Protein backbone atom coordinates (compact mmCIF):
# COMPACT_ATOMS: atom_id res chain seq x y z
CA MET A 1 -23.52 -135.22 -30.95
CA LYS A 2 -22.09 -137.04 -27.97
CA ARG A 3 -22.22 -135.50 -24.50
CA ARG A 4 -18.43 -135.26 -24.24
CA GLU A 5 -18.22 -133.44 -27.60
CA PHE A 6 -20.96 -131.03 -26.51
CA ILE A 7 -19.13 -130.20 -23.25
CA GLN A 8 -15.90 -129.63 -25.11
CA LEU A 9 -17.56 -127.26 -27.57
CA GLY A 10 -19.25 -125.45 -24.69
CA GLY A 11 -15.93 -124.96 -22.95
CA LEU A 12 -14.46 -123.55 -26.14
CA ALA A 13 -17.31 -121.05 -26.44
CA VAL A 14 -16.80 -119.86 -22.87
CA ALA A 15 -13.08 -119.34 -23.50
CA LEU A 16 -13.71 -117.03 -26.45
CA PRO A 17 -14.23 -113.31 -25.67
CA ALA A 18 -17.65 -111.89 -26.48
CA VAL A 19 -17.85 -109.58 -29.45
CA GLY A 20 -17.96 -105.94 -28.42
CA VAL A 21 -16.93 -106.54 -24.81
CA THR A 22 -14.51 -103.88 -23.60
CA GLN A 23 -11.54 -105.29 -21.68
CA PRO A 24 -9.37 -102.40 -20.55
CA ASN A 25 -5.85 -103.13 -19.39
CA ALA A 26 -6.41 -101.59 -15.98
CA GLN A 27 -9.71 -102.73 -14.47
CA PRO A 28 -11.42 -99.89 -12.53
CA ALA A 29 -12.27 -100.38 -8.89
CA VAL A 30 -15.88 -101.28 -8.12
CA GLY A 31 -16.44 -97.90 -6.51
CA ALA A 32 -14.88 -95.87 -9.30
CA THR A 33 -16.88 -92.89 -10.58
CA THR A 34 -15.56 -93.24 -14.16
CA VAL A 35 -14.24 -95.95 -16.45
CA ARG A 36 -11.98 -95.53 -19.45
CA GLU A 37 -13.09 -96.98 -22.79
CA PRO A 38 -10.21 -97.79 -25.12
CA ALA A 39 -10.15 -96.06 -28.51
CA ARG A 40 -11.41 -98.16 -31.41
CA ASP A 41 -12.07 -97.85 -35.10
CA ILE A 42 -15.74 -97.50 -35.98
CA PRO A 43 -16.82 -98.95 -39.36
CA VAL A 44 -18.63 -96.67 -41.78
CA ALA A 45 -21.71 -98.78 -42.46
CA GLU A 46 -23.40 -96.50 -45.00
CA ARG A 47 -22.95 -93.42 -47.06
CA ALA A 48 -25.73 -91.05 -48.16
CA ASP A 49 -26.42 -87.63 -49.61
CA VAL A 50 -28.88 -86.88 -46.78
CA VAL A 51 -28.94 -88.44 -43.32
CA VAL A 52 -32.09 -87.79 -41.30
CA CYS A 53 -31.80 -88.43 -37.57
CA GLY A 54 -35.24 -89.29 -36.17
CA GLY A 55 -38.20 -90.92 -37.89
CA GLY A 56 -41.05 -88.92 -36.41
CA PRO A 57 -43.42 -86.74 -38.48
CA ALA A 58 -40.74 -84.18 -39.31
CA GLY A 59 -38.07 -86.75 -40.02
CA VAL A 60 -40.30 -88.77 -42.40
CA ALA A 61 -41.31 -85.59 -44.25
CA ALA A 62 -37.67 -84.54 -44.59
CA ALA A 63 -36.59 -88.00 -45.79
CA LEU A 64 -39.41 -88.17 -48.36
CA SER A 65 -38.64 -84.70 -49.66
CA ALA A 66 -34.95 -85.53 -50.10
CA ALA A 67 -35.43 -88.98 -51.59
CA ARG A 68 -38.03 -87.76 -54.09
CA ARG A 69 -35.42 -85.34 -55.38
CA LYS A 70 -33.18 -88.32 -56.12
CA ALA A 71 -30.93 -87.84 -53.11
CA ARG A 72 -29.60 -91.02 -51.52
CA THR A 73 -31.37 -90.79 -48.14
CA VAL A 74 -30.87 -92.68 -44.87
CA LEU A 75 -33.43 -92.35 -42.10
CA ILE A 76 -32.27 -93.36 -38.59
CA GLU A 77 -34.99 -94.26 -36.07
CA GLN A 78 -34.54 -95.53 -32.49
CA ASN A 79 -37.89 -97.37 -32.38
CA GLY A 80 -39.16 -100.25 -34.49
CA CYS A 81 -41.58 -98.11 -36.47
CA LEU A 82 -41.81 -94.69 -38.06
CA GLY A 83 -44.03 -91.91 -36.80
CA GLY A 84 -42.56 -90.96 -33.44
CA ILE A 85 -45.27 -89.34 -31.29
CA TRP A 86 -47.86 -90.33 -33.90
CA THR A 87 -47.24 -94.07 -33.48
CA SER A 88 -44.87 -95.14 -30.69
CA GLY A 89 -46.20 -92.16 -28.70
CA LEU A 90 -49.82 -93.23 -29.37
CA LEU A 91 -50.98 -89.68 -30.07
CA ALA A 92 -53.62 -90.94 -32.55
CA TRP A 93 -54.63 -87.40 -33.52
CA LEU A 94 -53.35 -85.32 -36.46
CA LEU A 95 -52.58 -81.87 -35.01
CA ASP A 96 -52.75 -78.84 -37.29
CA ALA A 97 -53.45 -80.98 -40.35
CA ASP A 98 -56.37 -79.11 -41.85
CA ASN A 99 -55.83 -77.37 -45.19
CA LYS A 100 -52.18 -78.48 -45.31
CA LYS A 101 -50.54 -79.34 -48.60
CA GLY A 102 -47.59 -81.56 -49.53
CA VAL A 103 -46.72 -84.60 -47.47
CA MET A 104 -49.47 -83.99 -44.89
CA ALA A 105 -52.20 -83.90 -47.51
CA GLU A 106 -50.77 -87.01 -49.16
CA LEU A 107 -50.59 -88.80 -45.83
CA ALA A 108 -54.17 -87.96 -44.91
CA LYS A 109 -55.37 -89.29 -48.28
CA ARG A 110 -53.37 -92.51 -47.97
CA LEU A 111 -54.61 -93.04 -44.41
CA ARG A 112 -58.22 -92.76 -45.51
CA SER A 113 -57.68 -95.11 -48.45
CA ALA A 114 -56.14 -97.63 -46.03
CA GLY A 115 -59.17 -97.32 -43.74
CA GLY A 116 -57.05 -95.76 -41.06
CA ARG A 117 -59.00 -92.52 -40.46
CA SER A 118 -61.93 -92.15 -38.10
CA LEU A 119 -65.11 -90.90 -39.69
CA THR A 120 -68.10 -88.98 -38.33
CA ALA A 121 -71.59 -90.40 -38.53
CA GLY A 122 -71.95 -88.50 -41.79
CA GLY A 123 -68.81 -90.06 -43.27
CA LYS A 124 -66.56 -87.03 -42.90
CA PRO A 125 -62.97 -87.85 -41.84
CA THR A 126 -61.78 -86.59 -38.43
CA ASN A 127 -58.25 -86.04 -37.25
CA ALA A 128 -58.28 -89.33 -35.29
CA TYR A 129 -56.52 -92.27 -36.91
CA ASP A 130 -55.52 -95.86 -36.34
CA VAL A 131 -51.96 -96.06 -35.09
CA GLU A 132 -51.17 -99.36 -36.77
CA ALA A 133 -52.49 -98.07 -40.11
CA MET A 134 -50.24 -95.01 -39.70
CA LYS A 135 -47.19 -97.23 -39.22
CA VAL A 136 -47.93 -99.14 -42.42
CA VAL A 137 -48.63 -95.99 -44.48
CA LEU A 138 -45.45 -94.19 -43.36
CA GLU A 139 -43.30 -97.22 -44.09
CA ALA A 140 -44.91 -97.69 -47.50
CA LEU A 141 -44.29 -94.03 -48.43
CA CYS A 142 -40.62 -94.36 -47.47
CA GLU A 143 -40.21 -97.63 -49.33
CA GLU A 144 -41.79 -96.18 -52.49
CA ALA A 145 -39.37 -93.22 -52.27
CA SER A 146 -36.36 -95.57 -51.75
CA VAL A 147 -35.56 -94.15 -48.30
CA ALA A 148 -33.15 -96.49 -46.48
CA VAL A 149 -34.64 -96.83 -42.97
CA ARG A 150 -32.51 -98.08 -40.08
CA TYR A 151 -34.78 -99.18 -37.22
CA HIS A 152 -33.75 -99.82 -33.60
CA THR A 153 -30.80 -97.49 -34.14
CA ARG A 154 -29.94 -94.60 -31.87
CA VAL A 155 -27.76 -91.68 -32.84
CA ALA A 156 -25.00 -91.62 -30.22
CA ALA A 157 -22.56 -88.97 -31.44
CA ALA A 158 -21.66 -86.63 -34.30
CA VAL A 159 -18.30 -86.43 -36.09
CA VAL A 160 -17.35 -82.88 -37.01
CA SER A 161 -14.46 -81.90 -39.29
CA GLY A 162 -13.64 -78.39 -40.43
CA GLY A 163 -16.80 -76.99 -38.91
CA ARG A 164 -19.05 -79.45 -40.80
CA VAL A 165 -20.75 -82.68 -39.68
CA THR A 166 -19.37 -85.60 -41.65
CA HIS A 167 -20.78 -88.66 -39.84
CA ALA A 168 -23.49 -89.73 -37.46
CA VAL A 169 -22.28 -92.36 -35.02
CA THR A 170 -25.01 -94.87 -34.18
CA GLU A 171 -25.62 -97.72 -31.72
CA SER A 172 -27.74 -100.74 -32.61
CA LYS A 173 -27.75 -104.54 -32.57
CA SER A 174 -24.95 -104.27 -35.15
CA GLY A 175 -22.82 -102.41 -32.60
CA ARG A 176 -21.29 -98.97 -32.92
CA GLU A 177 -21.23 -97.77 -36.54
CA ALA A 178 -20.95 -94.55 -38.51
CA VAL A 179 -23.14 -93.19 -41.32
CA ALA A 180 -21.44 -90.73 -43.65
CA GLY A 181 -23.44 -87.95 -45.26
CA SER A 182 -23.23 -84.68 -47.12
CA VAL A 183 -26.29 -83.14 -45.38
CA PHE A 184 -27.67 -84.04 -41.96
CA VAL A 185 -31.17 -83.27 -40.65
CA ASP A 186 -31.78 -83.27 -36.90
CA ALA A 187 -35.35 -84.50 -36.41
CA THR A 188 -34.73 -86.08 -33.02
CA GLY A 189 -37.35 -83.91 -31.36
CA ASP A 190 -35.05 -82.57 -28.65
CA GLY A 191 -32.20 -81.47 -30.91
CA ASP A 192 -29.98 -84.28 -29.65
CA PHE A 193 -27.88 -84.58 -32.78
CA GLY A 194 -27.30 -80.83 -32.99
CA ALA A 195 -26.13 -80.83 -29.37
CA GLN A 196 -23.82 -83.79 -30.05
CA ALA A 197 -22.36 -81.76 -32.95
CA GLY A 198 -21.60 -78.89 -30.61
CA CYS A 199 -24.49 -76.56 -31.50
CA GLY A 200 -25.70 -74.20 -28.80
CA PHE A 201 -29.12 -74.70 -27.22
CA ASP A 202 -31.36 -73.23 -24.55
CA PHE A 203 -33.66 -74.98 -22.10
CA GLY A 204 -36.12 -73.70 -19.53
CA GLN A 205 -38.79 -71.03 -19.52
CA PRO A 206 -38.36 -67.63 -21.29
CA GLY A 207 -36.46 -65.27 -18.98
CA ARG A 208 -35.11 -68.17 -16.97
CA ALA A 209 -33.55 -70.23 -19.72
CA SER A 210 -30.15 -71.82 -19.29
CA HIS A 211 -27.67 -71.73 -22.17
CA SER A 212 -25.21 -74.32 -23.38
CA PRO A 213 -21.57 -73.27 -23.80
């Protein structure tokens, strides 16, 4: 490509507006305390029977339980791996895992088979585990159950109609999208999705807790 052609193409690229850039009619002053975002249509990127918000321990267990019952399941996770505090939080210790059945027992067995559990000198497994092995095992379990996992995706809002949640609005590299569902599970850890849907919540110490409207 000749230099002149390159410069011409570069000028064309600069002239085109960037995708997703908001250009309100009235530009706010630099010192403004608020800005107005124009209304826009949000594409519904996916539809599911069960939408799980948050891919930590509880979210993975909920997604596996739903998918194994043949429900079309979408799991939304803000990080690039499953596990929440177990993995991205580097906890590296299975709390309250002894004598548990179901998903926890299955997970412990898979971790040991993958060489991801710490052992005592006598060969007995402890509650310590390898974080990277945990990531692989959790993703494998979800893949085997046909859970659709959306990484690097944050739940930004909830759409409520007739007293029921109908969509989770997400933000990711794909922009702002909506995921439709029949059932929604809030496994965000802090109850973010429930709060976005208008559910009441308390915070603070007992006796001094503050209440949402």
